[in-house]
Structure formats: structure tokens, C-alpha cells
N, C-alpha and C. Protein backbone atom coordinates (compact mmCIF):
# COMPACT_ATOMS: atom_id res chain seq x y z
N MET A 1 124.79 110.56 110.37
CA MET A 1 124.18 110.75 108.89
C MET A 1 122.89 110.83 108.68
N THR A 2 122.24 111.55 108.17
CA THR A 2 121.22 111.68 107.09
C THR A 2 120.86 110.81 106.45
N ALA A 3 119.27 109.94 106.73
CA ALA A 3 118.94 108.68 106.18
C ALA A 3 118.32 109.23 104.54
N ILE A 4 118.58 108.92 103.20
CA ILE A 4 118.33 108.65 102.56
C ILE A 4 116.54 109.07 101.88
N LYS A 5 116.17 110.07 102.04
CA LYS A 5 114.69 109.48 101.49
C LYS A 5 114.61 109.21 99.99
N ALA A 6 113.42 108.16 100.36
CA ALA A 6 113.04 107.42 98.99
C ALA A 6 111.92 107.90 98.40
N PRO A 7 112.22 108.06 97.08
CA PRO A 7 111.83 108.56 95.97
C PRO A 7 109.87 108.09 96.45
N PHE A 8 108.91 108.73 95.29
CA PHE A 8 107.98 108.86 95.10
C PHE A 8 107.73 108.25 93.46
N ASN A 9 107.63 107.56 93.73
CA ASN A 9 108.03 106.71 92.24
C ASN A 9 106.78 106.49 91.75
N ARG A 10 105.65 107.31 91.40
CA ARG A 10 104.30 107.04 90.85
C ARG A 10 103.81 106.50 89.80
N ALA A 11 104.77 105.68 88.77
CA ALA A 11 104.39 104.54 88.60
C ALA A 11 104.54 103.85 88.53
N ALA A 12 105.68 103.22 89.30
CA ALA A 12 105.76 101.82 90.39
C ALA A 12 104.93 101.78 91.37
N LEU A 13 104.22 103.17 91.89
CA LEU A 13 103.31 102.90 92.96
C LEU A 13 101.84 102.05 92.53
N ALA A 14 101.69 102.37 91.11
CA ALA A 14 100.10 102.74 90.04
C ALA A 14 100.49 100.55 90.16
N ALA A 15 101.24 100.45 89.78
CA ALA A 15 101.88 99.38 89.47
C ALA A 15 100.99 98.32 90.40
N VAL A 16 102.20 98.44 91.81
CA VAL A 16 101.66 98.04 93.49
C VAL A 16 99.96 97.57 93.12
N LEU A 17 99.50 99.39 92.74
CA LEU A 17 97.93 99.64 93.45
C LEU A 17 96.69 98.64 92.18
N GLU A 18 98.13 98.74 91.09
CA GLU A 18 96.61 98.21 90.09
C GLU A 18 96.65 97.13 90.41
N ASN A 19 98.21 95.84 91.26
CA ASN A 19 98.08 94.42 91.22
C ASN A 19 97.56 94.02 92.29
N GLY A 20 97.48 94.47 93.32
CA GLY A 20 96.76 94.46 94.22
C GLY A 20 95.68 94.28 94.75
N SER A 21 95.07 95.98 94.23
CA SER A 21 93.00 95.94 93.78
C SER A 21 92.94 93.84 93.43
N ALA A 22 93.79 93.77 91.57
CA ALA A 22 93.60 93.63 91.16
C ALA A 22 93.23 91.58 91.47
N ALA A 23 94.42 91.64 92.64
CA ALA A 23 94.44 90.13 93.73
C ALA A 23 93.16 89.90 94.38
N LEU A 24 92.44 90.98 95.25
CA LEU A 24 91.83 91.30 96.41
C LEU A 24 90.16 92.09 95.21
N SER A 25 90.16 91.67 93.87
CA SER A 25 89.38 91.33 92.98
C SER A 25 88.01 92.78 93.60
N LEU A 26 88.88 93.41 92.97
CA LEU A 26 88.21 95.23 93.89
C LEU A 26 88.31 95.84 92.35
N SER A 27 86.70 96.31 91.63
CA SER A 27 87.26 96.61 90.85
C SER A 27 86.35 97.61 90.77
N LEU A 28 87.83 99.44 90.56
CA LEU A 28 88.20 100.76 90.73
C LEU A 28 88.23 101.51 89.71
N SER A 29 87.79 102.62 89.64
CA SER A 29 87.86 102.99 88.44
C SER A 29 89.29 104.08 88.12
N GLY A 30 89.55 104.30 86.33
CA GLY A 30 90.83 104.76 86.53
C GLY A 30 91.67 106.20 87.44
N GLN A 31 90.10 107.07 87.66
CA GLN A 31 89.65 108.27 88.71
C GLN A 31 89.90 107.50 90.15
N GLN A 32 89.20 106.44 90.27
CA GLN A 32 89.47 105.93 91.18
C GLN A 32 91.08 104.78 92.25
N HIS A 33 91.50 105.16 91.27
CA HIS A 33 93.24 104.54 91.43
C HIS A 33 93.99 106.62 90.90
N ALA A 34 93.26 107.14 90.50
CA ALA A 34 94.96 108.30 90.95
C ALA A 34 93.95 109.12 91.80
N GLN A 35 93.33 109.30 92.74
CA GLN A 35 92.51 109.54 93.83
C GLN A 35 93.28 108.76 94.94
N LEU A 36 93.84 107.66 95.06
CA LEU A 36 93.96 106.71 96.24
C LEU A 36 95.90 106.78 95.58
N LEU A 37 96.05 107.18 94.57
CA LEU A 37 97.57 107.38 94.27
C LEU A 37 97.81 108.93 95.39
N ASP A 38 96.94 110.71 94.58
CA ASP A 38 97.05 111.46 94.74
C ASP A 38 96.36 111.49 96.43
N TYR A 39 96.14 110.55 97.60
CA TYR A 39 96.53 110.65 98.25
C TYR A 39 96.81 110.23 99.18
N LEU A 40 98.43 109.44 97.99
CA LEU A 40 99.10 108.87 98.82
C LEU A 40 100.21 109.66 98.82
N GLY A 41 99.89 110.11 97.60
CA GLY A 41 101.18 111.47 97.82
C GLY A 41 101.44 112.17 98.13
N LEU A 42 99.52 112.74 99.14
CA LEU A 42 99.20 113.56 100.08
C LEU A 42 100.62 113.72 101.62
N LEU A 43 99.79 112.00 102.13
CA LEU A 43 100.12 111.12 102.52
C LEU A 43 102.64 110.71 103.00
N PHE A 44 102.28 111.65 101.68
CA PHE A 44 103.65 111.00 101.97
C PHE A 44 104.60 112.42 101.44
N LYS A 45 104.33 113.22 101.30
CA LYS A 45 104.33 115.37 101.71
C LYS A 45 104.28 115.43 103.28
N TRP A 46 102.73 115.35 103.56
CA TRP A 46 102.90 116.11 104.97
C TRP A 46 103.27 114.80 106.25
N ASN A 47 103.08 113.27 105.63
CA ASN A 47 103.99 113.44 106.48
C ASN A 47 106.20 113.10 107.63
N ALA A 48 106.04 114.26 105.94
CA ALA A 48 107.74 114.32 106.70
C ALA A 48 107.21 115.65 107.67
N VAL A 49 106.68 116.14 107.58
CA VAL A 49 106.16 117.51 108.65
C VAL A 49 105.41 116.96 109.77
N TYR A 50 104.20 116.23 109.60
CA TYR A 50 103.38 116.66 110.53
C TYR A 50 103.58 114.14 111.53
N ASN A 51 104.71 114.27 110.49
CA ASN A 51 104.67 112.48 111.32
C ASN A 51 103.19 111.74 111.45
N LEU A 52 102.68 111.51 110.60
CA LEU A 52 101.08 110.47 110.06
C LEU A 52 101.12 109.45 110.42
N THR A 53 102.45 108.71 110.02
CA THR A 53 103.00 106.95 109.79
C THR A 53 103.70 107.65 110.45
N SER A 54 104.58 105.90 110.41
CA SER A 54 106.23 105.09 110.93
C SER A 54 106.72 104.85 109.99
N VAL A 55 105.93 104.61 108.39
CA VAL A 55 105.96 104.22 107.52
C VAL A 55 106.26 105.20 106.30
N ARG A 56 107.67 105.82 105.98
CA ARG A 56 107.73 106.42 105.39
C ARG A 56 108.63 106.29 103.86
N ASP A 57 108.99 105.17 103.12
CA ASP A 57 108.60 104.37 102.20
C ASP A 57 107.81 104.62 101.66
N PRO A 58 107.34 105.53 100.30
CA PRO A 58 106.05 104.83 99.55
C PRO A 58 105.76 104.11 99.48
N LEU A 59 105.76 102.66 99.15
CA LEU A 59 106.15 101.24 98.47
C LEU A 59 105.39 100.55 99.00
N GLN A 60 106.19 100.45 100.42
CA GLN A 60 105.39 99.81 101.88
C GLN A 60 104.01 101.09 102.29
N MET A 61 104.45 102.53 101.84
CA MET A 61 102.81 102.84 102.43
C MET A 61 101.01 102.23 101.44
N ALA A 62 102.02 102.07 100.81
CA ALA A 62 100.82 100.85 99.22
C ALA A 62 100.56 100.12 99.90
N THR A 63 101.23 99.44 100.20
CA THR A 63 101.01 98.05 100.12
C THR A 63 100.89 97.62 101.97
N LEU A 64 101.50 98.57 102.84
CA LEU A 64 100.38 98.34 104.08
C LEU A 64 99.53 99.82 104.81
N HIS A 65 99.91 100.42 104.33
CA HIS A 65 98.37 101.45 103.94
C HIS A 65 96.97 101.47 103.15
N LEU A 66 97.69 101.52 101.36
CA LEU A 66 96.62 100.95 100.77
C LEU A 66 95.87 100.05 100.66
N LEU A 67 96.54 98.88 99.84
CA LEU A 67 96.22 97.81 100.26
C LEU A 67 96.04 96.68 101.59
N ASP A 68 96.13 97.33 102.78
CA ASP A 68 95.92 97.41 103.98
C ASP A 68 94.36 96.95 104.03
N SER A 69 94.05 99.15 103.59
CA SER A 69 92.60 98.96 103.55
C SER A 69 91.45 99.01 102.88
N LEU A 70 92.08 98.07 101.18
CA LEU A 70 91.03 98.22 99.88
C LEU A 70 91.03 96.74 100.65
N ALA A 71 91.64 95.67 101.25
CA ALA A 71 91.48 93.83 101.23
C ALA A 71 90.17 94.36 101.76
N ALA A 72 89.70 95.70 103.57
CA ALA A 72 88.88 95.38 103.70
C ALA A 72 87.60 95.71 103.26
N VAL A 73 87.57 96.34 102.25
CA VAL A 73 86.44 97.41 101.54
C VAL A 73 85.18 96.29 101.41
N PRO A 74 84.84 95.09 100.73
CA PRO A 74 84.34 94.15 100.89
C PRO A 74 83.13 93.90 102.05
N ALA A 75 83.98 93.84 103.23
CA ALA A 75 83.18 93.80 104.00
C ALA A 75 81.69 95.29 104.66
N PHE A 76 82.47 96.18 104.00
CA PHE A 76 81.47 96.71 103.94
C PHE A 76 80.55 97.47 102.85
N ALA A 77 80.24 96.11 102.80
CA ALA A 77 78.75 95.98 101.64
C ALA A 77 78.04 96.00 102.24
N GLY A 78 76.45 97.33 101.57
CA GLY A 78 75.78 97.08 102.41
C GLY A 78 75.88 98.14 102.86
N ALA A 79 76.83 98.75 103.42
CA ALA A 79 76.58 100.27 104.56
C ALA A 79 76.77 101.63 103.45
N SER A 80 75.17 103.18 104.37
CA SER A 80 75.37 103.65 104.09
C SER A 80 76.55 105.16 104.36
N ASN A 81 76.12 104.45 106.29
CA ASN A 81 76.62 105.75 107.18
C ASN A 81 77.75 105.08 107.85
N VAL A 82 78.69 105.29 107.77
CA VAL A 82 80.36 105.01 108.21
C VAL A 82 81.23 105.72 109.25
N LEU A 83 81.58 105.10 110.00
CA LEU A 83 82.19 106.30 111.20
C LEU A 83 83.75 105.76 110.92
N ASP A 84 85.30 106.21 111.33
CA ASP A 84 86.56 106.01 111.73
C ASP A 84 86.74 106.05 112.97
N VAL A 85 87.34 106.07 113.78
CA VAL A 85 87.40 106.30 115.60
C VAL A 85 88.85 106.54 114.92
N GLY A 86 89.42 107.54 115.30
CA GLY A 86 90.75 107.30 115.77
C GLY A 86 91.47 107.17 114.26
N ALA A 87 90.93 107.96 113.28
CA ALA A 87 91.36 108.29 112.22
C ALA A 87 92.61 108.45 111.35
N GLY A 88 93.24 109.24 112.82
CA GLY A 88 94.44 109.07 111.70
C GLY A 88 94.74 109.92 110.81
N GLY A 89 96.04 109.34 110.66
CA GLY A 89 95.35 109.44 109.33
C GLY A 89 94.68 109.57 107.54
N GLY A 90 94.11 108.73 108.05
CA GLY A 90 92.44 108.89 106.71
C GLY A 90 92.97 107.10 107.31
N LEU A 91 93.31 105.70 107.51
CA LEU A 91 93.81 104.63 107.21
C LEU A 91 92.35 104.25 107.68
N PRO A 92 91.75 103.04 107.52
CA PRO A 92 90.94 102.92 106.34
C PRO A 92 89.69 103.88 105.88
N GLY A 93 89.54 105.35 107.08
CA GLY A 93 88.31 105.77 106.07
C GLY A 93 88.50 106.23 104.69
N ILE A 94 89.33 107.40 104.65
CA ILE A 94 90.04 107.38 103.42
C ILE A 94 90.10 106.84 102.09
N VAL A 95 90.55 106.47 102.69
CA VAL A 95 90.35 104.97 101.35
C VAL A 95 88.96 104.44 101.19
N LEU A 96 88.03 104.32 102.79
CA LEU A 96 86.54 103.17 102.30
C LEU A 96 86.39 105.18 101.38
N ALA A 97 86.17 105.75 101.66
CA ALA A 97 85.64 106.61 100.82
C ALA A 97 85.78 106.83 99.43
N ILE A 98 86.82 106.36 98.88
CA ILE A 98 87.61 107.05 97.20
C ILE A 98 86.92 105.34 97.17
N ALA A 99 86.82 104.38 97.97
CA ALA A 99 86.43 102.77 96.97
C ALA A 99 85.21 103.12 97.38
N ARG A 100 84.79 103.69 98.15
CA ARG A 100 82.72 103.30 98.00
C ARG A 100 82.11 105.27 97.97
N PRO A 101 82.37 105.22 96.36
CA PRO A 101 81.45 107.10 96.98
C PRO A 101 80.46 107.07 97.14
N ASP A 102 80.20 105.95 97.13
CA ASP A 102 78.77 106.05 96.87
C ASP A 102 77.91 106.04 98.58
N MET A 103 79.45 106.14 98.95
CA MET A 103 79.19 105.59 101.23
C MET A 103 79.79 106.62 101.85
N GLN A 104 78.42 107.08 102.76
CA GLN A 104 79.20 108.53 103.86
C GLN A 104 80.15 107.85 104.80
N VAL A 105 80.76 108.63 104.76
CA VAL A 105 82.15 108.05 105.20
C VAL A 105 82.70 110.02 106.47
N SER A 106 82.73 109.26 107.32
CA SER A 106 83.13 110.62 108.65
C SER A 106 84.14 110.12 109.20
N LEU A 107 85.43 110.21 109.65
CA LEU A 107 86.78 110.12 110.18
C LEU A 107 86.81 110.77 111.73
N ILE A 108 87.12 110.70 112.48
CA ILE A 108 87.29 111.45 113.82
C ILE A 108 88.55 110.97 114.05
N ASP A 109 89.54 111.98 115.01
CA ASP A 109 90.24 112.55 115.92
C ASP A 109 90.51 113.43 117.08
N THR A 110 91.22 113.08 117.75
CA THR A 110 91.61 114.42 118.52
C THR A 110 92.63 115.36 118.34
N VAL A 111 93.52 114.55 117.87
CA VAL A 111 94.88 115.24 117.00
C VAL A 111 94.31 116.37 115.87
N HIS A 112 94.40 117.89 115.84
CA HIS A 112 94.42 118.73 115.42
C HIS A 112 95.17 118.72 113.77
N LYS A 113 96.82 118.73 114.07
CA LYS A 113 97.39 118.03 112.68
C LYS A 113 96.85 117.56 112.01
N LYS A 114 96.09 116.04 112.42
CA LYS A 114 95.20 115.14 112.24
C LYS A 114 94.38 115.79 110.96
N THR A 115 93.60 116.07 112.11
CA THR A 115 92.44 116.70 110.64
C THR A 115 92.20 117.69 109.91
N ALA A 116 93.84 117.89 110.32
CA ALA A 116 93.48 119.35 109.49
C ALA A 116 94.33 118.35 108.44
N PHE A 117 95.24 117.74 108.05
CA PHE A 117 96.04 116.75 106.98
C PHE A 117 94.53 115.82 106.05
N LEU A 118 93.38 115.33 106.69
CA LEU A 118 92.04 114.90 106.20
C LEU A 118 91.27 115.39 105.43
N LYS A 119 91.22 116.90 105.87
CA LYS A 119 90.54 118.11 105.88
C LYS A 119 91.16 118.39 104.55
N GLN A 120 91.88 119.01 104.14
CA GLN A 120 93.09 119.05 103.12
C GLN A 120 92.77 117.35 102.17
N VAL A 121 93.22 116.73 102.35
CA VAL A 121 93.05 115.54 101.56
C VAL A 121 91.07 115.89 100.88
N LYS A 122 90.41 115.55 101.84
CA LYS A 122 89.07 116.23 101.22
C LYS A 122 89.05 117.59 100.09
N ALA A 123 89.07 118.90 100.76
CA ALA A 123 89.47 119.54 100.04
C ALA A 123 90.12 119.17 98.06
N GLU A 124 91.02 118.53 98.38
CA GLU A 124 91.77 118.89 96.89
C GLU A 124 91.54 117.17 96.65
N LEU A 125 91.39 115.92 96.56
CA LEU A 125 90.65 114.76 96.05
C LEU A 125 88.34 115.41 95.99
N GLY A 126 88.40 116.19 96.34
CA GLY A 126 87.14 116.81 95.97
C GLY A 126 86.07 115.83 96.62
N LEU A 127 86.67 114.85 97.85
CA LEU A 127 85.51 113.92 98.02
C LEU A 127 84.68 114.25 98.57
N ALA A 128 82.68 114.88 98.11
CA ALA A 128 81.90 115.05 98.54
C ALA A 128 81.53 114.16 99.89
N ASN A 129 82.05 113.05 100.27
CA ASN A 129 80.81 112.32 100.43
C ASN A 129 81.79 112.30 102.41
N VAL A 130 82.58 112.83 101.98
CA VAL A 130 83.67 112.63 103.43
C VAL A 130 83.51 114.10 104.39
N THR A 131 83.43 113.55 105.68
CA THR A 131 82.97 114.29 107.16
C THR A 131 83.68 114.28 107.88
N VAL A 132 85.45 115.44 108.45
CA VAL A 132 85.49 115.29 109.45
C VAL A 132 85.51 115.85 110.67
N TYR A 133 85.95 115.48 111.91
CA TYR A 133 84.99 116.22 113.20
C TYR A 133 86.63 116.23 113.74
N THR A 134 87.50 117.24 114.41
CA THR A 134 87.98 116.64 115.57
C THR A 134 87.87 116.75 117.20
N ALA A 135 87.56 116.00 118.03
CA ALA A 135 86.53 115.36 118.75
C ALA A 135 87.58 114.12 119.70
N LYS A 136 86.67 114.36 120.88
CA LYS A 136 87.29 112.47 120.85
C LYS A 136 85.57 112.44 120.92
N VAL A 137 85.08 110.59 121.07
CA VAL A 137 84.71 110.42 119.86
C VAL A 137 83.34 109.76 121.08
N GLN A 138 83.48 109.92 122.35
CA GLN A 138 82.61 110.10 123.49
C GLN A 138 82.35 111.26 123.80
N ASP A 139 82.14 112.95 122.91
CA ASP A 139 81.91 114.12 123.22
C ASP A 139 80.72 114.11 121.71
N VAL A 140 81.41 113.61 120.35
CA VAL A 140 81.37 114.64 119.11
C VAL A 140 79.39 114.65 119.55
N VAL A 141 79.04 114.73 118.76
CA VAL A 141 77.61 115.16 117.92
C VAL A 141 77.51 115.24 116.86
N VAL A 142 76.84 114.15 116.20
CA VAL A 142 76.06 113.74 115.01
C VAL A 142 75.30 113.85 114.45
N PRO A 143 75.09 114.70 113.22
CA PRO A 143 73.16 114.98 112.73
C PRO A 143 73.08 113.08 113.07
N ALA A 144 73.78 111.51 112.32
CA ALA A 144 72.82 110.43 112.18
C ALA A 144 73.39 109.30 112.90
N LEU A 145 72.87 108.57 113.14
CA LEU A 145 73.80 107.56 114.06
C LEU A 145 74.67 106.37 112.54
N PHE A 146 74.77 105.77 112.85
CA PHE A 146 76.62 105.44 111.60
C PHE A 146 75.51 103.58 112.20
N ASP A 147 75.45 103.25 111.33
CA ASP A 147 75.25 101.89 110.79
C ASP A 147 76.20 100.75 111.14
N VAL A 148 77.96 101.52 110.63
CA VAL A 148 79.27 100.67 110.65
C VAL A 148 80.24 101.61 111.81
N ILE A 149 81.05 101.28 112.43
CA ILE A 149 82.14 101.95 113.14
C ILE A 149 82.59 101.34 112.67
N THR A 150 84.34 101.80 112.68
CA THR A 150 85.20 100.33 111.71
C THR A 150 86.56 101.48 113.29
N SER A 151 88.48 100.58 112.93
CA SER A 151 88.84 101.49 113.59
C SER A 151 89.91 100.54 113.33
N ARG A 152 91.58 101.18 113.34
CA ARG A 152 92.72 100.28 112.50
C ARG A 152 93.43 100.87 114.17
N ALA A 153 93.63 99.46 114.59
CA ALA A 153 94.59 99.72 115.41
C ALA A 153 94.53 100.56 116.60
N PHE A 154 92.72 101.32 116.08
CA PHE A 154 93.29 102.31 117.26
C PHE A 154 93.09 101.64 119.01
N ALA A 155 92.92 101.14 119.48
CA ALA A 155 92.31 100.92 121.25
C ALA A 155 92.21 99.34 121.27
N ASP A 156 92.40 98.68 122.68
CA ASP A 156 91.64 97.78 122.82
C ASP A 156 90.00 97.42 122.56
N LEU A 157 89.29 96.41 122.41
CA LEU A 157 88.14 96.46 121.72
C LEU A 157 87.40 97.42 123.04
N SER A 158 87.15 96.78 124.07
CA SER A 158 86.25 97.46 124.89
C SER A 158 86.43 98.21 125.06
N ASP A 159 87.84 99.22 125.16
CA ASP A 159 87.27 100.27 124.95
C ASP A 159 86.77 101.25 123.35
N PHE A 160 86.90 100.57 122.82
CA PHE A 160 86.32 100.73 121.09
C PHE A 160 84.73 101.06 120.80
N VAL A 161 84.56 99.91 121.87
CA VAL A 161 82.94 99.58 121.72
C VAL A 161 82.33 101.33 122.61
N THR A 162 82.75 101.00 124.17
CA THR A 162 82.72 102.01 125.14
C THR A 162 82.17 103.31 124.54
N TRP A 163 83.28 103.82 124.45
CA TRP A 163 83.50 105.37 123.50
C TRP A 163 83.02 105.10 122.87
N SER A 164 82.18 104.61 121.76
CA SER A 164 81.98 104.93 120.58
C SER A 164 80.51 104.37 120.68
N GLY A 165 79.90 103.08 121.03
CA GLY A 165 78.65 102.52 120.91
C GLY A 165 77.24 103.29 120.86
N GLN A 166 77.15 104.69 121.42
CA GLN A 166 76.79 105.86 121.67
C GLN A 166 75.95 106.43 120.15
N LEU A 167 77.54 106.35 119.25
CA LEU A 167 77.30 106.31 118.00
C LEU A 167 75.81 104.99 116.95
N LEU A 168 76.27 104.41 117.45
CA LEU A 168 75.59 103.14 116.38
C LEU A 168 74.36 103.27 116.76
N ALA A 169 74.22 102.86 115.58
CA ALA A 169 72.89 102.68 114.95
C ALA A 169 72.36 101.42 115.14
N ASP A 170 70.89 101.91 116.02
CA ASP A 170 70.35 100.05 116.19
C ASP A 170 70.43 99.17 114.47
N GLY A 171 71.03 97.63 114.96
CA GLY A 171 71.11 96.78 114.12
C GLY A 171 72.56 96.75 113.31
N GLY A 172 73.56 98.01 114.32
CA GLY A 172 74.77 98.14 114.08
C GLY A 172 76.11 97.35 114.03
N ARG A 173 77.58 97.49 113.32
CA ARG A 173 78.27 96.37 113.84
C ARG A 173 79.55 97.75 113.53
N PHE A 174 80.26 96.89 114.69
CA PHE A 174 82.12 96.97 114.56
C PHE A 174 82.50 96.57 114.36
N ILE A 175 83.31 96.85 112.74
CA ILE A 175 84.28 96.01 111.73
C ILE A 175 86.18 97.05 112.78
N ALA A 176 86.44 95.71 113.34
CA ALA A 176 87.85 96.55 113.42
C ALA A 176 88.65 95.96 112.70
N LEU A 177 90.11 96.73 112.02
CA LEU A 177 91.11 96.19 111.95
C LEU A 177 92.37 96.07 112.35
N LYS A 178 92.52 94.62 112.65
CA LYS A 178 93.88 94.10 113.99
C LYS A 178 94.30 93.70 113.37
N GLY A 179 96.01 93.06 113.37
CA GLY A 179 96.85 92.34 113.48
C GLY A 179 96.49 90.58 114.02
N VAL A 180 97.07 90.86 114.44
CA VAL A 180 96.69 88.93 115.22
C VAL A 180 95.26 89.62 116.21
N ALA A 181 94.21 88.16 115.71
CA ALA A 181 93.53 89.03 116.62
C ALA A 181 93.74 88.40 118.06
N PRO A 182 92.88 89.14 118.92
CA PRO A 182 93.45 88.74 120.80
C PRO A 182 92.19 89.20 121.37
N ALA A 183 92.23 87.01 121.88
CA ALA A 183 91.85 86.89 122.52
C ALA A 183 91.51 87.32 123.94
N GLU A 184 92.40 88.14 124.59
CA GLU A 184 92.05 88.61 125.06
C GLU A 184 91.52 89.16 125.34
N GLU A 185 91.78 90.47 124.17
CA GLU A 185 90.05 91.94 124.04
C GLU A 185 89.20 90.91 123.99
N GLN A 186 88.65 90.19 123.03
CA GLN A 186 87.29 88.91 123.20
C GLN A 186 86.52 89.21 124.25
N GLU A 187 87.75 88.06 124.81
CA GLU A 187 87.57 88.40 126.24
C GLU A 187 86.73 89.52 127.11
N ARG A 188 87.09 90.84 126.58
CA ARG A 188 87.07 91.76 127.93
C ARG A 188 85.18 92.94 127.47
N LEU A 189 85.50 91.86 126.11
CA LEU A 189 84.19 93.25 125.96
C LEU A 189 82.91 93.30 126.20
N PRO A 190 81.89 94.19 127.33
CA PRO A 190 81.79 94.67 127.80
C PRO A 190 80.30 94.09 126.89
N ALA A 191 78.93 93.10 128.28
CA ALA A 191 78.01 92.60 127.36
C ALA A 191 77.45 94.04 127.69
N PRO A 192 76.54 93.91 125.93
CA PRO A 192 76.01 92.74 125.32
C PRO A 192 76.48 92.47 124.14
N TRP A 193 78.46 92.99 124.18
CA TRP A 193 79.01 92.65 122.81
C TRP A 193 80.03 91.77 122.14
N LYS A 194 79.51 91.24 121.58
CA LYS A 194 80.44 89.98 121.27
C LYS A 194 81.17 89.72 119.98
N VAL A 195 82.49 89.46 119.49
CA VAL A 195 82.95 89.10 118.47
C VAL A 195 82.00 87.96 118.08
N SER A 196 80.82 89.18 116.68
CA SER A 196 80.18 87.70 115.65
C SER A 196 80.68 86.83 114.78
N ARG A 197 81.64 87.15 114.05
CA ARG A 197 82.60 86.90 112.35
C ARG A 197 83.82 87.21 113.13
N LEU A 198 85.47 86.34 112.68
CA LEU A 198 86.83 86.87 112.61
C LEU A 198 86.83 86.41 110.85
N GLN A 199 87.39 87.46 110.80
CA GLN A 199 87.86 87.57 109.12
C GLN A 199 89.38 87.71 109.12
N PRO A 200 89.99 85.91 108.22
CA PRO A 200 91.32 86.70 108.11
C PRO A 200 92.04 87.77 106.88
N LEU A 201 92.53 88.54 106.57
CA LEU A 201 92.52 88.87 106.21
C LEU A 201 94.00 88.61 104.96
N GLN A 202 93.19 88.94 104.08
CA GLN A 202 95.56 88.75 103.56
C GLN A 202 95.13 89.54 102.19
N VAL A 203 96.33 90.50 102.46
CA VAL A 203 97.22 91.47 101.69
C VAL A 203 97.61 91.33 100.95
N PRO A 204 98.15 91.99 99.68
CA PRO A 204 98.99 91.61 98.29
C PRO A 204 99.93 91.85 99.01
N GLY A 205 101.13 91.88 98.97
CA GLY A 205 102.41 91.53 99.22
C GLY A 205 102.83 91.98 101.06
N LEU A 206 101.89 91.84 101.40
CA LEU A 206 101.83 91.61 102.79
C LEU A 206 102.16 90.73 103.36
N ASP A 207 102.94 89.73 104.12
CA ASP A 207 103.51 88.28 104.95
C ASP A 207 103.71 88.65 106.55
N ALA A 208 102.31 88.87 106.67
CA ALA A 208 102.22 89.66 107.88
C ALA A 208 100.37 88.94 108.18
N GLU A 209 100.26 88.53 110.34
CA GLU A 209 98.80 88.33 110.31
C GLU A 209 97.88 89.28 109.45
N ARG A 210 96.69 89.86 109.39
CA ARG A 210 95.37 90.81 108.96
C ARG A 210 94.13 89.70 109.68
N HIS A 211 93.46 90.63 110.54
CA HIS A 211 91.97 89.76 110.72
C HIS A 211 91.46 91.05 110.51
N LEU A 212 89.98 90.66 110.50
CA LEU A 212 88.84 92.35 110.93
C LEU A 212 88.12 91.02 111.52
N MET A 213 87.64 92.46 112.23
CA MET A 213 86.91 92.15 113.84
C MET A 213 84.96 92.25 113.88
N PHE A 214 84.68 91.96 113.41
CA PHE A 214 82.80 92.32 113.37
C PHE A 214 82.69 91.70 115.10
N ILE A 215 82.37 93.28 115.48
CA ILE A 215 81.40 93.11 116.59
C ILE A 215 79.80 93.23 116.69
N GLU A 216 79.38 92.65 116.93
CA GLU A 216 77.84 92.97 116.80
C GLU A 216 76.99 92.79 118.57
N LYS A 217 75.83 93.64 118.75
CA LYS A 217 75.72 93.23 120.21
C LYS A 217 74.38 91.40 120.69
N LEU A 218 74.66 90.98 121.55
CA LEU A 218 74.06 89.40 121.60
C LEU A 218 73.45 89.62 121.64
N VAL A 219 71.97 89.24 121.37
CA VAL A 219 70.69 89.20 121.37
C VAL A 219 70.17 88.02 122.12
């Protein structure tokens, strides 16, 4: 039996996004709202062929992907150069780039079809502050080190910092977006890295545990 494809109802999605961003106390312009919806439309369209996310319903995408990533935006206050490792379909990197056009956001993934999608998003949305790399994070060469490196359910925390630590500027930090706060992963972090702060996130419309994990060098 063929599954019925959920419709992309832009008006309904706009309402979810507007109500959610208000609940998060984010001041986004009309252009930023439009860009987020355009991004969601591209993710929905490409997902049918490229399997960028297991979430198929656009309304669920709006909550599980857009609002989940938007909830993390305040944590990047003061950041100017951010790297999203294992960026996949662009979460949270593309959302951060739209919400913070003053911030440079680089996204890296090893899978060509995913980075092809990210480059298409950059072009269609006119995101001049986005750079896309197709490479292993251990091997990539970048013009400048990053003050924040982030990931969303990318890997074990120890692998995350070990593989990408060489790209972090002095005084920089990692911000990992996680569901539950995995105590065993925190314990496995190699010295001198430690979780400096654990911040629960409340994502509008999502009844699930979400956390931000801030990882810094222990001085």
C-alpha cells in the first residue's frame, strides 16, 4: 500500500514557525521567516529523493527541525565564526545562518548528496554567510579557526571534540545539541575537555528531552 505523502501547507507551517519563534522570544524579520520556510520547502522536496531526514511530514519537520534548531540560537550570542560538523540536511547550521546573518557559518559533511543540497540551499536562499565543505572534519583545511563548533546528534562527544578540536580557536567552545544528557559520554571526554554547562531546552510543540552541552578546555 502506497503511503500518502503529507502536503506542504505553507500557511500552516508559517503559523507554526511564527508561534514557535514568539514562544522562544526570537525576533525574526519577515524575510527570515520566509527564508526558513523556503529552506523547509527545499528540505521537503529533496528529501523525497536524497533521504536527508527520516521525518517526512512538513509540520513535524517544522517542530523537530526548525524550532529545535531555533531554540539553540541564543546560545550562539557573541559567536562570529561557527562550524556545524556532520551538517547533514543543514541542522542546525542553515537555521543558524538564517537567524544570525551577521555570523559566518560553515557546514561540513562527508556525503556528497548532502553537501550538494546545502550548496543548493545557499544559492537559492542567497546565504552569503554560508560555506559548505565536503570532507572529513579531521582533514578539512579552513582559512580561519572557529570560535564555536557545533553538532546535532552527530557523534559521541569524545569523537566530536577529538576529530574537530584542531579547528577550534583559543578560548572557543563546543556546543552539542543532544536529546538526553548522556552522563557516560561526558565521562569519556578526553582531557582537557569538560562539559562546562548543561542547558535544558524547551522546544515549542515538542514533548521530548532536549539539551545543549557546552564543552570547553578545563583551565
